[in-house]
Amino acid sequence: MKTVTFNQNPCVSVEGMDDRCWTGWERIMDVLNHRLGARTAKRVIVTAECYPGVDEDAVLERFRADLLPDLVCHTRQCMYDPARIDEMLRVDLTGDPVFGRITQHRMKDFFDTDSLQAQTDALNSIDRGLVLIFGAGASVVHEGDLLVYLDMARWETQLRYRRNEIDNLGARNREEPASVQYKRAFFVDWRVADRVKIDLMERWDYLLDTTRMDDPKLVEGEAVREGLRQTASQPFSVTPYFDPAPWGGGWMRDRFGLEPNGSNYGWCFNCVPEENSLLLDYGGVQIEIPAVDLVFYRPLQLLGENVYSRFGAEFPIRFDFLDTMNGGNLSFQVHPLHEQIRESFSMDYTQDESYYLMDAGSDGCVYLGLKDSVDPDEMLNELRSAQQGETSFDVEKYVNKWPAKKHDHFLIPSGTVHCSGKNSMVLEISATPYIFTFKLWDWGRLGLDGKPRPIHLDHGERAIRWNRTRGWVQNQLINRIDSIAQGDGWREERTGLHELEFIETRRHWFTGAVPHSTGGTVNVLCLVEGDQIAVESPSNAFKPFIANYGEVFIMPAAVGEYIVRPAQTDPEREFATIKAFVRS
């Protein structure tokens, strides 16, 4: 298998802001001290708002040592004790090991009003000198004279959970399993902190990136905002990350030249702005921020009016890779129905999805839909028996097994039982609520932590559409390919998704330049055949963008017209992209 160039660290070069970024603790503190100026004549308050995941203790130590504040308030001092916060969040976190409810709490709800008032009184008693308010919720204590925002990439946060390095918001729980901390972050921490972030973005004086504590970067707030504005007007990629899985294969490792990690890579998240990072380059210095910052700051330009009015400041399209080549089957699963995800988890839309086959072995397959005349009670009883370890569930007794080959497209509206089989390399194109997978059977294996992976039969039983049997699946969900248009050196096909799903996918085969338009809505594309393409503006509105095989890139709605062509013309070689967008 040929190893191809795969850009693991794509970045957006920000024009005109090279002198607005500084690296290293010594230089950063010099910049802040210079900005603060003389402190003897009046009181100056620095508010350092921290996104969950920041190593607050380590960074605060640097601030204390280099800024020499006269008074320090760490927001942890003003919050309720962890036990009370745990009780406050009990309804949101539930007793389920995976699923909770999207919290409606705001940052101020974490603060003890008496402690907050005492801190306010202490601030009011000082009429000169430097005051530092530091931590998550610092802006709740005081808006400050200088606002430094400490952002944190969510993938790095997850790695810190795995290393037991940090606590959740308002908790003392770094020794808990990473899965518990991630769940709390997903349903509570990120939601609470995002509400603060959205309110503050226009006011940032500086953003501090401490993703790498030994290589921090400080950027002027206006330079970050300008970087986001520029990103929303051109094609770009978020930073992909790869992760092992108990069913993982070796295709991505070999094809993309990844480092061996002792366990086969099963995942690649390559367009999930809630999880992926965005790299902004300032004259050769790169800062890393959550890609969702762009969604928050420029939702209309990025998403388009129709998508924004429907989903708000959320990115509704997800692309990721699932690699089972020389690995194992994915878990047998189903996704919640629309009404179920609203009622049970406070999510506005569900995870409809599809499997696009990047590659497959001779025995590659996809399990999809139920066989005819399946008895629901019998199947559920056998699943429960398997969950208790009494038997092994026979998937093929109840579920259709379809052969899968390269460029097949399987559509999976919510409520349809499914999983990819071994020796299949899948590009999963789906709606974004990506953790809402109800595992029904996991083939009797353990997770990478040596423990059984959670099974959700009660949720799954409510979700299964029992009438999606073989004939319906074959006619409705497999390779529903329609020719749409053609031109000089290109042809366009509609490959899905199903009418029950809100995402549309188009495949273009081409040997020359292909005209595209965002149509006023965000487009997501992946090069699924061919080595390298160039993406250009017919009006030179943005610089040419290069995408390699397997790379996913985003075309903001504001781009409008664009052209995709082979980077090197070869009339004997046909290229292909798959494009997704939200239907009007």
Protein backbone atom coordinates (compact mmCIF):
# COMPACT_ATOMS: atom_id res chain seq x y z
CA MET A 1 0.00 0.00 0.00
CA LYS A 2 1.44 3.33 -1.09
CA THR A 3 2.23 5.88 1.61
CA VAL A 4 0.94 9.31 0.57
CA THR A 5 1.50 12.76 1.91
CA PHE A 6 -1.04 13.51 4.62
CA ASN A 7 -0.85 16.86 6.35
CA GLN A 8 -1.28 16.13 10.05
CA ASN A 9 -0.85 19.80 11.02
CA PRO A 10 -2.72 21.99 8.54
CA CYS A 11 -2.73 25.66 9.48
CA VAL A 12 -4.15 28.97 8.31
CA SER A 13 -1.58 31.70 7.66
CA VAL A 14 -2.93 34.96 9.09
CA GLU A 15 -1.96 37.91 6.93
CA GLY A 16 -0.80 41.24 8.36
CA MET A 17 -0.46 40.16 11.99
CA ASP A 18 3.08 38.77 12.23
CA ASP A 19 4.12 41.13 15.03
CA ARG A 20 1.14 40.39 17.26
CA CYS A 21 2.33 37.02 18.63
CA TRP A 22 5.02 36.22 21.24
CA THR A 23 6.47 32.93 22.45
CA GLY A 24 8.13 31.77 25.66
CA TRP A 25 7.25 32.69 29.23
CA GLU A 26 9.90 35.38 29.58
CA ARG A 27 8.84 37.26 26.46
CA ILE A 28 5.14 36.84 27.24
CA MET A 29 5.51 38.27 30.72
CA ASP A 30 7.59 41.17 29.37
CA VAL A 31 4.74 42.02 26.99
CA LEU A 32 2.12 41.85 29.75
CA ASN A 33 4.21 43.89 32.18
CA HIS A 34 4.82 46.52 29.53
CA ARG A 35 1.08 46.69 28.80
CA LEU A 36 0.30 47.07 32.50
CA GLY A 37 2.80 49.90 32.91
CA ALA A 38 3.30 51.68 36.26
CA ARG A 39 1.13 50.25 39.03
CA THR A 40 1.73 52.63 41.90
CA ALA A 41 -0.78 55.32 40.94
CA LYS A 42 -3.92 53.20 40.71
CA ARG A 43 -5.38 49.73 41.00
CA VAL A 44 -5.07 47.56 37.89
CA ILE A 45 -7.05 44.31 37.62
CA VAL A 46 -5.93 41.53 35.28
CA THR A 47 -8.67 39.01 34.59
CA ALA A 48 -7.23 35.72 33.32
CA GLU A 49 -10.20 33.62 32.22
CA CYS A 50 -9.32 29.92 31.83
CA TYR A 51 -11.08 27.41 29.61
CA PRO A 52 -11.50 23.96 31.24
CA GLY A 53 -8.42 21.86 30.54
CA VAL A 54 -5.88 24.58 31.34
CA ASP A 55 -3.37 23.47 33.97
CA GLU A 56 -4.41 26.29 36.27
CA ASP A 57 -1.97 25.55 39.07
CA ALA A 58 1.06 25.52 36.77
CA VAL A 59 0.10 28.64 34.83
CA LEU A 60 -0.88 30.58 37.96
CA GLU A 61 2.55 29.87 39.39
CA ARG A 62 4.11 31.55 36.34
CA PHE A 63 1.79 34.56 36.62
CA ARG A 64 2.60 34.97 40.32
CA ALA A 65 6.34 34.74 39.75
CA ASP A 66 6.54 37.11 36.79
CA LEU A 67 3.74 39.63 37.29
CA LEU A 68 4.20 39.90 41.07
CA PRO A 69 0.56 40.75 41.81
CA ASP A 70 -0.33 42.45 45.08
CA LEU A 71 -3.51 40.39 45.41
CA VAL A 72 -4.44 37.07 43.79
CA CYS A 73 -7.90 35.57 43.57
CA HIS A 74 -8.02 32.03 42.21
CA THR A 75 -11.64 31.42 41.26
CA ARG A 76 -11.51 28.03 42.91
CA GLN A 77 -11.61 29.91 46.23
CA CYS A 78 -15.00 31.40 45.37
CA MET A 79 -16.74 28.30 44.08
CA TYR A 80 -18.98 25.99 46.01
CA ASP A 81 -17.24 22.93 47.41
CA PRO A 82 -17.02 20.02 44.94
CA ALA A 83 -19.64 17.92 46.73
CA ARG A 84 -22.24 20.67 46.39
CA ILE A 85 -21.37 21.18 42.72
CA ASP A 86 -21.65 17.43 42.13
CA GLU A 87 -25.14 17.53 43.62
CA MET A 88 -26.05 20.54 41.48
CA LEU A 89 -25.02 18.61 38.37
CA ARG A 90 -26.57 15.29 39.33
CA VAL A 91 -29.53 15.65 36.95
CA ASP A 92 -27.22 16.54 34.05
CA LEU A 93 -24.66 13.82 34.69
CA THR A 94 -27.19 11.05 35.47
CA GLY A 95 -26.07 7.62 36.59
CA ASP A 96 -25.21 6.45 33.08
CA PRO A 97 -21.48 5.84 32.42
CA VAL A 98 -21.63 7.47 28.95
CA PHE A 99 -24.69 9.67 28.50
CA GLY A 100 -25.98 12.71 30.34
CA ARG A 101 -28.03 15.80 29.56
CA ILE A 102 -26.71 19.03 28.06
CA THR A 103 -26.59 21.34 31.06
CA GLN A 104 -28.41 24.64 31.20
CA HIS A 105 -26.22 25.91 34.06
CA ARG A 106 -24.10 29.01 33.63
CA MET A 107 -20.71 29.76 35.15
CA LYS A 108 -22.15 31.95 37.93
CA ASP A 109 -24.07 28.93 39.25
CA PHE A 110 -20.76 27.39 40.36
CA PHE A 111 -19.92 30.33 42.63
CA ASP A 112 -20.74 30.65 46.33
CA THR A 113 -22.45 34.04 46.65
CA ASP A 114 -20.98 34.69 50.09
CA SER A 115 -17.43 33.89 48.96
CA LEU A 116 -17.95 35.97 45.83
CA GLN A 117 -19.12 38.94 47.89
CA ALA A 118 -16.15 38.58 50.24
CA GLN A 119 -13.79 38.65 47.26
CA THR A 120 -15.56 41.71 45.87
CA ASP A 121 -15.16 43.47 49.21
CA ALA A 122 -11.44 42.61 49.22
CA LEU A 123 -11.06 44.06 45.72
CA ASN A 124 -12.88 47.24 46.69
CA SER A 125 -10.55 47.74 49.62
CA ILE A 126 -7.53 48.08 47.32
CA ASP A 127 -6.95 51.41 45.59
CA ARG A 128 -3.55 50.76 44.03
CA GLY A 129 -1.36 47.88 42.89
CA LEU A 130 -1.90 44.86 40.66
CA VAL A 131 -4.78 42.46 41.26
CA LEU A 132 -4.86 39.11 39.44
CA ILE A 133 -8.13 37.21 39.12
CA PHE A 134 -7.32 33.82 37.69
CA GLY A 135 -9.16 30.65 36.66
CA ALA A 136 -12.36 29.39 35.09
CA GLY A 137 -15.02 32.01 35.72
CA ALA A 138 -12.57 34.83 36.45
CA SER A 139 -14.80 37.22 34.52
CA VAL A 140 -17.66 36.37 36.89
CA VAL A 141 -15.59 37.81 39.74
CA HIS A 142 -14.58 40.98 37.86
CA GLU A 143 -14.42 41.99 34.19
CA GLY A 144 -10.97 43.49 34.78
CA ASP A 145 -8.94 46.23 33.16
CA LEU A 146 -7.00 43.72 31.06
CA LEU A 147 -8.59 40.46 29.85
CA VAL A 148 -6.29 37.53 29.08
CA TYR A 149 -8.14 34.48 27.77
CA LEU A 150 -6.44 31.11 28.27
CA ASP A 151 -7.95 28.80 25.66
CA MET A 152 -7.38 25.05 25.47
CA ALA A 153 -7.68 22.50 22.67
CA ARG A 154 -10.19 19.83 23.55
CA TRP A 155 -8.11 16.94 22.28
CA GLU A 156 -5.26 18.04 24.55
CA THR A 157 -7.78 18.21 27.40
CA GLN A 158 -8.75 14.59 26.76
CA LEU A 159 -5.11 13.53 26.80
CA ARG A 160 -4.68 15.30 30.15
CA TYR A 161 -7.67 13.38 31.50
CA ARG A 162 -5.99 10.16 30.43
CA ARG A 163 -2.84 11.21 32.27
CA ASN A 164 -4.83 12.18 35.40
CA GLU A 165 -3.38 15.70 35.28
CA ILE A 166 -6.44 17.96 35.62
CA ASP A 167 -9.85 18.17 37.27
CA ASN A 168 -13.23 18.97 35.78
CA LEU A 169 -14.83 22.35 36.35
CA GLY A 170 -15.53 22.78 40.07
CA ALA A 171 -14.41 19.22 40.84
CA ARG A 172 -11.51 17.40 42.48
CA ASN A 173 -11.65 14.31 40.31
CA ARG A 174 -8.42 13.96 38.34
CA GLU A 175 -8.02 10.38 39.58
CA GLU A 176 -11.32 9.31 38.04
CA PRO A 177 -11.33 7.37 34.74
CA ALA A 178 -10.83 9.56 31.68
CA SER A 179 -14.21 8.42 30.36
CA VAL A 180 -15.94 9.90 33.41
CA GLN A 181 -14.09 13.19 33.04
CA TYR A 182 -14.77 13.37 29.31
CA LYS A 183 -18.48 12.78 29.85
CA ARG A 184 -18.60 15.60 32.40
CA ALA A 185 -16.70 17.91 30.04
CA PHE A 186 -19.02 17.09 27.12
CA PHE A 187 -22.28 17.62 28.98
CA VAL A 188 -21.25 20.32 31.46
CA ASP A 189 -17.79 21.94 31.36
CA TRP A 190 -17.60 22.82 27.67
CA ARG A 191 -21.20 24.02 27.56
CA VAL A 192 -20.76 26.30 30.58
CA ALA A 193 -17.38 27.63 29.43
CA ASP A 194 -18.55 28.15 25.85
CA ARG A 195 -21.28 30.51 27.06
CA VAL A 196 -18.61 32.56 28.81
CA LYS A 197 -16.30 32.42 25.79
CA ILE A 198 -18.94 33.65 23.36
CA ASP A 199 -19.68 36.62 25.63
CA LEU A 200 -15.98 37.52 25.93
CA MET A 201 -14.49 36.91 22.47
CA GLU A 202 -14.90 40.49 21.24
CA ARG A 203 -13.26 41.78 24.43
CA TRP A 204 -10.14 39.59 24.51
CA ASP A 205 -7.05 41.76 24.96
CA TYR A 206 -4.82 38.71 24.63
CA LEU A 207 -5.19 34.98 24.08
CA LEU A 208 -2.68 32.71 25.82
CA ASP A 209 -2.12 29.24 24.35
CA THR A 210 -0.65 26.86 26.95
CA THR A 211 -1.36 23.64 25.06
CA ARG A 212 2.41 23.09 25.37
CA MET A 213 3.46 24.43 28.75
CA ASP A 214 7.09 24.55 27.68
CA ASP A 215 6.21 26.53 24.54
CA PRO A 216 3.44 29.02 25.39
CA LYS A 217 2.22 31.63 22.92
CA LEU A 218 0.55 34.99 23.55
CA VAL A 219 -1.47 36.65 20.78
CA GLU A 220 -3.27 39.96 20.74
CA GLY A 221 -7.00 39.45 20.89
CA GLU A 222 -7.57 41.45 17.72
CA ALA A 223 -5.02 39.28 15.90
CA VAL A 224 -6.98 36.16 16.90
CA ARG A 225 -10.24 37.73 15.77
CA GLU A 226 -8.64 38.74 12.47
CA GLY A 227 -7.34 35.19 12.06
CA LEU A 228 -10.85 33.85 12.51
CA ARG A 229 -12.24 36.40 10.06
CA GLN A 230 -9.68 35.38 7.44
CA THR A 231 -10.32 31.67 8.04
CA ALA A 232 -14.04 32.16 7.44
CA SER A 233 -13.33 33.46 3.93
CA GLN A 234 -11.17 30.63 2.53
CA PRO A 235 -10.87 26.84 2.40
CA PHE A 236 -9.21 25.36 5.46
CA SER A 237 -8.69 22.13 7.38
CA VAL A 238 -8.89 21.53 11.11
CA THR A 239 -6.14 19.52 12.81
CA PRO A 240 -6.92 15.78 12.59
CA TYR A 241 -6.14 13.47 15.44
CA PHE A 242 -5.76 9.72 15.42
CA ASP A 243 -6.66 7.38 18.25
CA PRO A 244 -6.40 3.63 18.84
CA ALA A 245 -9.48 1.45 19.21
CA PRO A 246 -10.06 -2.18 20.20
CA TRP A 247 -11.17 -2.90 16.63
CA GLY A 248 -8.49 -0.71 15.01
CA GLY A 249 -6.75 -1.61 11.78
CA GLY A 250 -3.51 -0.67 10.06
CA TRP A 251 -4.68 1.16 6.94
CA MET A 252 -4.30 4.72 8.21
CA ARG A 253 -0.96 3.97 9.82
CA ASP A 254 0.45 2.57 6.59
CA ARG A 255 -1.28 4.85 4.08
CA PHE A 256 -0.78 8.13 5.94
CA GLY A 257 2.66 7.35 7.38
CA LEU A 258 1.59 7.51 11.04
CA GLU A 259 3.91 6.59 13.86
CA PRO A 260 3.35 3.09 15.28
CA ASN A 261 1.63 3.48 18.64
CA GLY A 262 1.57 -0.05 20.01
CA SER A 263 -2.12 -0.41 19.15
CA ASN A 264 -3.80 -0.10 15.79
CA TYR A 265 -5.43 3.24 15.00
CA GLY A 266 -9.19 2.90 14.78
CA TRP A 267 -10.25 6.55 14.62
CA CYS A 268 -9.32 9.68 12.82
CA PHE A 269 -11.35 12.74 13.75
CA ASN A 270 -10.72 15.06 10.83
CA CYS A 271 -13.75 17.36 10.75
CA VAL A 272 -15.35 17.61 14.18
CA PRO A 273 -14.91 21.26 15.17
CA GLU A 274 -16.20 20.53 18.68
CA GLU A 275 -13.18 18.24 19.16
CA ASN A 276 -10.57 19.25 16.59
CA SER A 277 -8.18 22.17 16.85
CA LEU A 278 -7.57 25.06 14.47
CA LEU A 279 -3.97 26.17 13.92
CA LEU A 280 -3.41 29.85 13.15
CA ASP A 281 0.05 30.85 11.88
CA TYR A 282 1.49 34.28 12.65
CA GLY A 283 4.76 34.66 10.78
CA GLY A 284 5.84 31.10 11.50
CA VAL A 285 4.46 30.95 15.06
CA GLN A 286 1.41 28.70 15.36
CA ILE A 287 -1.24 28.94 18.02
CA GLU A 288 -3.71 26.13 18.69
CA ILE A 289 -7.32 26.88 19.58
CA PRO A 290 -10.51 24.82 19.52
CA ALA A 291 -11.92 24.90 15.98
CA VAL A 292 -15.32 25.61 17.50
CA ASP A 293 -14.03 29.15 18.24
CA LEU A 294 -14.54 29.88 14.55
CA VAL A 295 -18.11 28.59 14.71
CA PHE A 296 -18.79 30.87 17.67
CA TYR A 297 -17.15 33.97 16.23
CA ARG A 298 -18.15 33.82 12.56
CA PRO A 299 -21.19 31.51 12.38
CA LEU A 300 -22.99 33.31 9.57
CA GLN A 301 -19.95 33.51 7.26
CA LEU A 302 -18.94 29.93 8.02
CA LEU A 303 -22.30 28.16 8.09
CA GLY A 304 -24.51 30.34 5.92
CA GLU A 305 -27.81 31.91 6.84
CA ASN A 306 -29.99 28.82 6.38
CA VAL A 307 -27.74 26.52 8.46
CA TYR A 308 -27.19 29.16 11.14
CA SER A 309 -30.90 29.85 11.48
CA ARG A 310 -31.57 26.12 11.79
CA PHE A 311 -28.75 24.96 14.06
CA GLY A 312 -27.42 28.13 15.67
CA ALA A 313 -23.67 28.42 16.24
CA GLU A 314 -23.06 24.68 15.81
CA PHE A 315 -21.25 22.87 13.03
CA PRO A 316 -23.71 20.13 12.01
CA ILE A 317 -21.52 18.01 9.67
CA ARG A 318 -18.97 15.48 10.90
CA PHE A 319 -16.32 13.59 8.90
CA ASP A 320 -14.16 10.91 10.51
CA PHE A 321 -12.37 7.71 9.55
CA LEU A 322 -13.04 4.25 10.98
CA ASP A 323 -10.27 1.77 10.22
CA THR A 324 -10.94 -1.97 10.59
CA MET A 325 -8.42 -3.15 7.97
CA ASN A 326 -6.83 -6.26 9.48
CA GLY A 327 -8.73 -5.31 12.63
CA GLY A 328 -12.14 -6.28 13.95
CA ASN A 329 -15.81 -5.44 13.54
CA LEU A 330 -17.15 -2.20 14.97
CA SER A 331 -19.66 -2.58 17.77
CA PHE A 332 -23.16 -3.54 16.63
CA GLN A 333 -25.11 -0.34 17.30
CA VAL A 334 -27.98 2.02 16.66
CA HIS A 335 -28.40 5.79 16.99
CA PRO A 336 -31.27 7.56 18.80
CA LEU A 337 -34.35 8.82 17.05
CA HIS A 338 -34.95 12.57 16.85
CA GLU A 339 -37.57 12.71 19.59
CA GLN A 340 -35.52 10.37 21.80
CA ILE A 341 -32.36 12.49 21.72
CA ARG A 342 -34.37 15.63 22.50
CA GLU A 343 -36.29 14.15 25.40
CA SER A 344 -33.51 12.10 26.98
CA PHE A 345 -30.37 14.15 26.32
CA SER A 346 -31.49 17.72 25.51
CA MET A 347 -29.91 17.56 22.06
CA ASP A 348 -31.62 19.35 19.18
CA TYR A 349 -30.81 16.80 16.46
CA THR A 350 -29.56 13.24 16.23
CA GLN A 351 -26.70 11.32 14.65
CA ASP A 352 -27.86 10.33 11.22
CA GLU A 353 -24.86 9.03 9.31
CA SER A 354 -23.41 7.07 6.42
CA TYR A 355 -20.41 4.89 5.60
CA TYR A 356 -18.42 5.80 2.49
CA LEU A 357 -15.87 3.09 1.70
CA MET A 358 -12.37 4.47 1.12
CA ASP A 359 -11.10 0.92 0.74
CA ALA A 360 -12.04 -2.66 1.57
CA GLY A 361 -10.54 -6.11 1.60
CA SER A 362 -11.99 -8.98 -0.39
CA ASP A 363 -14.08 -9.86 2.68
CA GLY A 364 -14.96 -6.27 3.57
CA CYS A 365 -18.55 -5.89 4.70
CA VAL A 366 -21.13 -3.71 6.40
CA TYR A 367 -23.87 -5.00 8.69
CA LEU A 368 -27.01 -2.97 8.00
CA GLY A 369 -30.70 -3.44 8.76
CA LEU A 370 -32.62 -6.40 10.09
CA LYS A 371 -33.43 -9.62 8.31
CA ASP A 372 -37.02 -10.33 7.40
CA SER A 373 -39.39 -11.65 10.09
CA VAL A 374 -37.07 -10.91 13.02
CA ASP A 375 -38.82 -11.38 16.38
CA PRO A 376 -37.92 -8.27 18.43
CA ASP A 377 -38.42 -10.00 21.79
CA GLU A 378 -36.24 -12.93 20.74
CA MET A 379 -33.44 -10.68 19.51
CA LEU A 380 -33.53 -8.45 22.59
CA ASN A 381 -33.54 -11.46 24.91
CA GLU A 382 -30.48 -12.85 23.16
CA LEU A 383 -28.75 -9.47 23.40
CA ARG A 384 -29.44 -9.31 27.14
CA SER A 385 -28.17 -12.83 27.60
CA ALA A 386 -25.00 -11.93 25.70
CA GLN A 387 -24.55 -8.77 27.75
CA GLN A 388 -24.61 -10.89 30.93
CA GLY A 389 -21.98 -13.20 29.48
CA GLU A 390 -24.30 -16.18 29.23
CA THR A 391 -24.09 -16.55 25.44
CA SER A 392 -22.45 -14.97 22.38
CA PHE A 393 -24.84 -12.96 20.25
CA ASP A 394 -25.16 -14.23 16.66
CA VAL A 395 -25.35 -10.96 14.70
CA GLU A 396 -25.77 -12.66 11.34
CA LYS A 397 -28.87 -14.47 12.59
CA TYR A 398 -30.69 -11.15 12.79
CA VAL A 399 -28.79 -8.61 10.69
CA ASN A 400 -28.03 -8.34 6.96
CA LYS A 401 -24.36 -8.64 6.04
CA TRP A 402 -23.60 -6.75 2.83
CA PRO A 403 -20.35 -7.07 0.86
CA ALA A 404 -18.51 -3.75 0.73
CA LYS A 405 -16.03 -2.49 -1.84
CA LYS A 406 -14.17 0.76 -2.44
CA HIS A 407 -16.46 3.75 -3.19
CA ASP A 408 -19.64 2.05 -1.96
CA HIS A 409 -21.88 4.33 0.07
CA PHE A 410 -24.14 2.94 2.82
CA LEU A 411 -26.76 5.32 4.28
CA ILE A 412 -27.66 4.98 7.95
CA PRO A 413 -30.60 7.06 9.18
CA SER A 414 -31.10 7.00 12.95
CA GLY A 415 -32.95 3.93 14.19
CA THR A 416 -31.19 1.61 11.71
CA VAL A 417 -29.05 -1.14 13.28
CA HIS A 418 -25.59 -1.27 11.75
CA CYS A 419 -21.83 -1.60 12.03
CA SER A 420 -18.84 -1.82 9.75
CA GLY A 421 -17.24 -5.22 9.48
CA LYS A 422 -13.54 -5.97 9.58
CA ASN A 423 -11.34 -5.14 6.59
CA SER A 424 -13.28 -2.01 5.74
CA MET A 425 -11.88 1.52 5.67
CA VAL A 426 -14.80 3.86 6.27
CA LEU A 427 -15.21 7.59 5.84
CA GLU A 428 -18.10 8.26 8.19
CA ILE A 429 -20.20 11.22 7.08
CA SER A 430 -22.72 12.13 9.72
CA ALA A 431 -24.47 14.72 11.80
CA THR A 432 -22.41 15.99 14.71
CA PRO A 433 -23.85 14.50 17.96
CA TYR A 434 -21.15 11.87 17.74
CA ILE A 435 -21.15 10.27 21.18
CA PHE A 436 -24.76 9.10 20.95
CA THR A 437 -24.07 5.55 19.83
CA PHE A 438 -26.09 2.86 21.57
CA LYS A 439 -23.93 -0.27 21.55
CA LEU A 440 -26.04 -3.40 21.37
CA TRP A 441 -23.23 -5.96 21.16
CA ASP A 442 -19.45 -5.62 21.12
CA TRP A 443 -18.47 -9.11 20.02
CA GLY A 444 -17.51 -10.16 23.55
CA ARG A 445 -14.28 -8.14 23.58
CA LEU A 446 -12.79 -5.72 26.10
CA GLY A 447 -11.86 -2.09 25.60
CA LEU A 448 -8.27 -0.90 25.54
CA ASP A 449 -8.53 -0.34 29.30
CA GLY A 450 -9.16 -4.07 29.78
CA LYS A 451 -12.77 -3.51 30.85
CA PRO A 452 -16.02 -4.35 29.04
CA ARG A 453 -17.26 -1.48 26.90
CA PRO A 454 -20.65 -0.09 28.00
CA ILE A 455 -23.72 -1.59 26.34
CA HIS A 456 -26.96 0.41 26.10
CA LEU A 457 -29.76 -2.01 25.40
CA ASP A 458 -32.48 0.03 27.13
CA HIS A 459 -31.72 3.09 25.03
CA GLY A 460 -31.15 0.95 21.94
CA GLU A 461 -34.45 -0.91 22.29
CA ARG A 462 -36.31 2.41 22.10
CA ALA A 463 -34.35 3.46 19.02
CA ILE A 464 -34.53 0.39 16.76
CA ARG A 465 -36.82 0.66 13.75
CA TRP A 466 -37.87 -2.95 13.34
CA ASN A 467 -39.39 -2.45 9.89
CA ARG A 468 -36.06 -1.59 8.25
CA THR A 469 -35.50 -5.02 6.80
CA ARG A 470 -33.61 -6.41 3.85
CA GLY A 471 -35.70 -5.17 0.92
CA TRP A 472 -36.10 -1.68 2.34
CA VAL A 473 -32.39 -1.42 3.13
CA GLN A 474 -31.32 -2.66 -0.29
CA ASN A 475 -33.59 -0.19 -2.09
CA GLN A 476 -33.20 2.80 0.22
CA LEU A 477 -29.75 2.69 1.81
CA ILE A 478 -27.14 1.09 -0.46
CA ASN A 479 -25.48 2.89 -3.37
CA ARG A 480 -28.37 5.18 -4.19
CA ILE A 481 -26.32 6.89 -6.86
CA ASP A 482 -27.92 9.31 -9.29
CA SER A 483 -26.20 11.25 -12.07
CA ILE A 484 -26.74 14.98 -11.53
CA ALA A 485 -24.62 16.88 -14.05
CA GLN A 486 -21.54 16.70 -16.23
CA GLY A 487 -19.17 18.99 -18.04
CA ASP A 488 -15.80 19.09 -19.74
CA GLY A 489 -13.71 16.56 -17.84
CA TRP A 490 -16.09 16.03 -14.90
CA ARG A 491 -19.32 14.39 -13.81
CA GLU A 492 -21.38 14.79 -10.65
CA GLU A 493 -23.34 12.14 -8.75
CA ARG A 494 -25.68 12.30 -5.81
CA THR A 495 -24.80 9.46 -3.44
CA GLY A 496 -27.07 10.26 -0.47
CA LEU A 497 -27.93 10.74 2.22
CA HIS A 498 -31.37 9.27 2.79
CA GLU A 499 -34.45 11.51 2.73
CA LEU A 500 -34.77 11.04 6.51
CA GLU A 501 -31.34 12.69 6.95
CA PHE A 502 -30.58 16.39 6.56
CA ILE A 503 -27.16 16.01 4.90
CA GLU A 504 -26.75 15.77 1.13
CA THR A 505 -23.64 14.20 -0.44
CA ARG A 506 -22.29 14.68 -3.96
CA ARG A 507 -19.42 12.84 -5.60
CA HIS A 508 -17.47 14.39 -8.45
CA TRP A 509 -15.29 12.33 -10.78
CA PHE A 510 -12.91 14.49 -12.80
CA THR A 511 -9.78 14.79 -14.89
CA GLY A 512 -9.94 18.57 -15.21
CA ALA A 513 -11.34 21.62 -13.42
CA VAL A 514 -14.71 21.23 -11.68
CA PRO A 515 -16.90 24.28 -10.93
CA HIS A 516 -18.45 24.31 -7.45
CA SER A 517 -20.54 26.70 -5.41
CA THR A 518 -21.21 26.64 -1.71
CA GLY A 519 -24.76 27.72 -2.52
CA GLY A 520 -24.71 29.87 0.59
CA THR A 521 -24.14 26.92 2.92
CA VAL A 522 -20.99 25.36 4.37
CA ASN A 523 -19.45 22.53 2.30
CA VAL A 524 -17.19 19.76 3.61
CA LEU A 525 -15.09 17.78 1.11
CA CYS A 526 -12.68 14.87 1.12
CA LEU A 527 -10.39 13.69 -1.67
CA VAL A 528 -11.34 10.02 -2.03
CA GLU A 529 -9.49 9.21 -5.28
CA GLY A 530 -6.26 10.72 -6.57
CA ASP A 531 -3.10 12.04 -4.95
CA GLN A 532 -3.53 15.81 -4.72
CA ILE A 533 -5.95 18.54 -5.77
CA ALA A 534 -5.93 22.33 -5.86
CA VAL A 535 -8.90 24.39 -4.73
CA GLU A 536 -9.05 27.84 -6.35
CA SER A 537 -11.20 30.93 -6.48
CA PRO A 538 -12.33 32.00 -9.98
CA SER A 539 -12.09 35.62 -8.76
CA ASN A 540 -8.81 35.15 -6.82
CA ALA A 541 -10.68 35.79 -3.57
CA PHE A 542 -8.37 33.36 -1.74
CA LYS A 543 -5.00 31.74 -2.35
CA PRO A 544 -5.00 28.25 -3.93
CA PHE A 545 -5.53 25.54 -1.33
CA ILE A 546 -3.88 22.12 -1.66
CA ALA A 547 -5.53 18.93 -0.40
CA ASN A 548 -3.93 15.49 -0.44
CA TYR A 549 -5.60 12.10 -0.62
CA GLY A 550 -7.78 11.45 2.42
CA GLU A 551 -7.65 15.02 3.69
CA VAL A 552 -10.88 16.73 4.65
CA PHE A 553 -11.38 20.45 4.14
CA ILE A 554 -14.11 22.99 4.82
CA MET A 555 -15.46 25.55 2.37
CA PRO A 556 -17.15 28.36 4.36
CA ALA A 557 -20.52 29.46 3.01
CA ALA A 558 -19.14 32.95 2.37
CA VAL A 559 -16.67 31.61 -0.24
CA GLY A 560 -19.36 31.16 -2.89
CA GLU A 561 -17.86 29.99 -6.19
CA TYR A 562 -14.77 27.76 -6.21
CA ILE A 563 -12.94 25.36 -8.51
CA VAL A 564 -11.47 21.94 -7.73
CA ARG A 565 -8.92 20.44 -10.12
CA PRO A 566 -6.07 17.93 -10.10
CA ALA A 567 -2.88 19.56 -8.80
CA GLN A 568 -1.09 18.02 -11.78
CA THR A 569 -3.00 17.35 -14.98
CA ASP A 570 -3.07 13.70 -15.95
CA PRO A 571 -5.81 12.85 -18.49
CA GLU A 572 -5.30 9.14 -17.78
CA ARG A 573 -6.02 9.53 -14.05
CA GLU A 574 -9.51 10.13 -12.69
CA PHE A 575 -9.91 11.93 -9.35
CA ALA A 576 -12.89 11.99 -7.03
CA THR A 577 -14.14 14.11 -4.14
CA ILE A 578 -17.11 13.55 -1.87
CA LYS A 579 -18.89 16.72 -0.73
CA ALA A 580 -21.42 17.13 2.07
CA PHE A 581 -23.73 20.00 2.87
CA VAL A 582 -27.02 20.64 4.67
CA ARG A 583 -30.07 20.39 2.46
CA SER A 584 -32.19 23.51 2.13
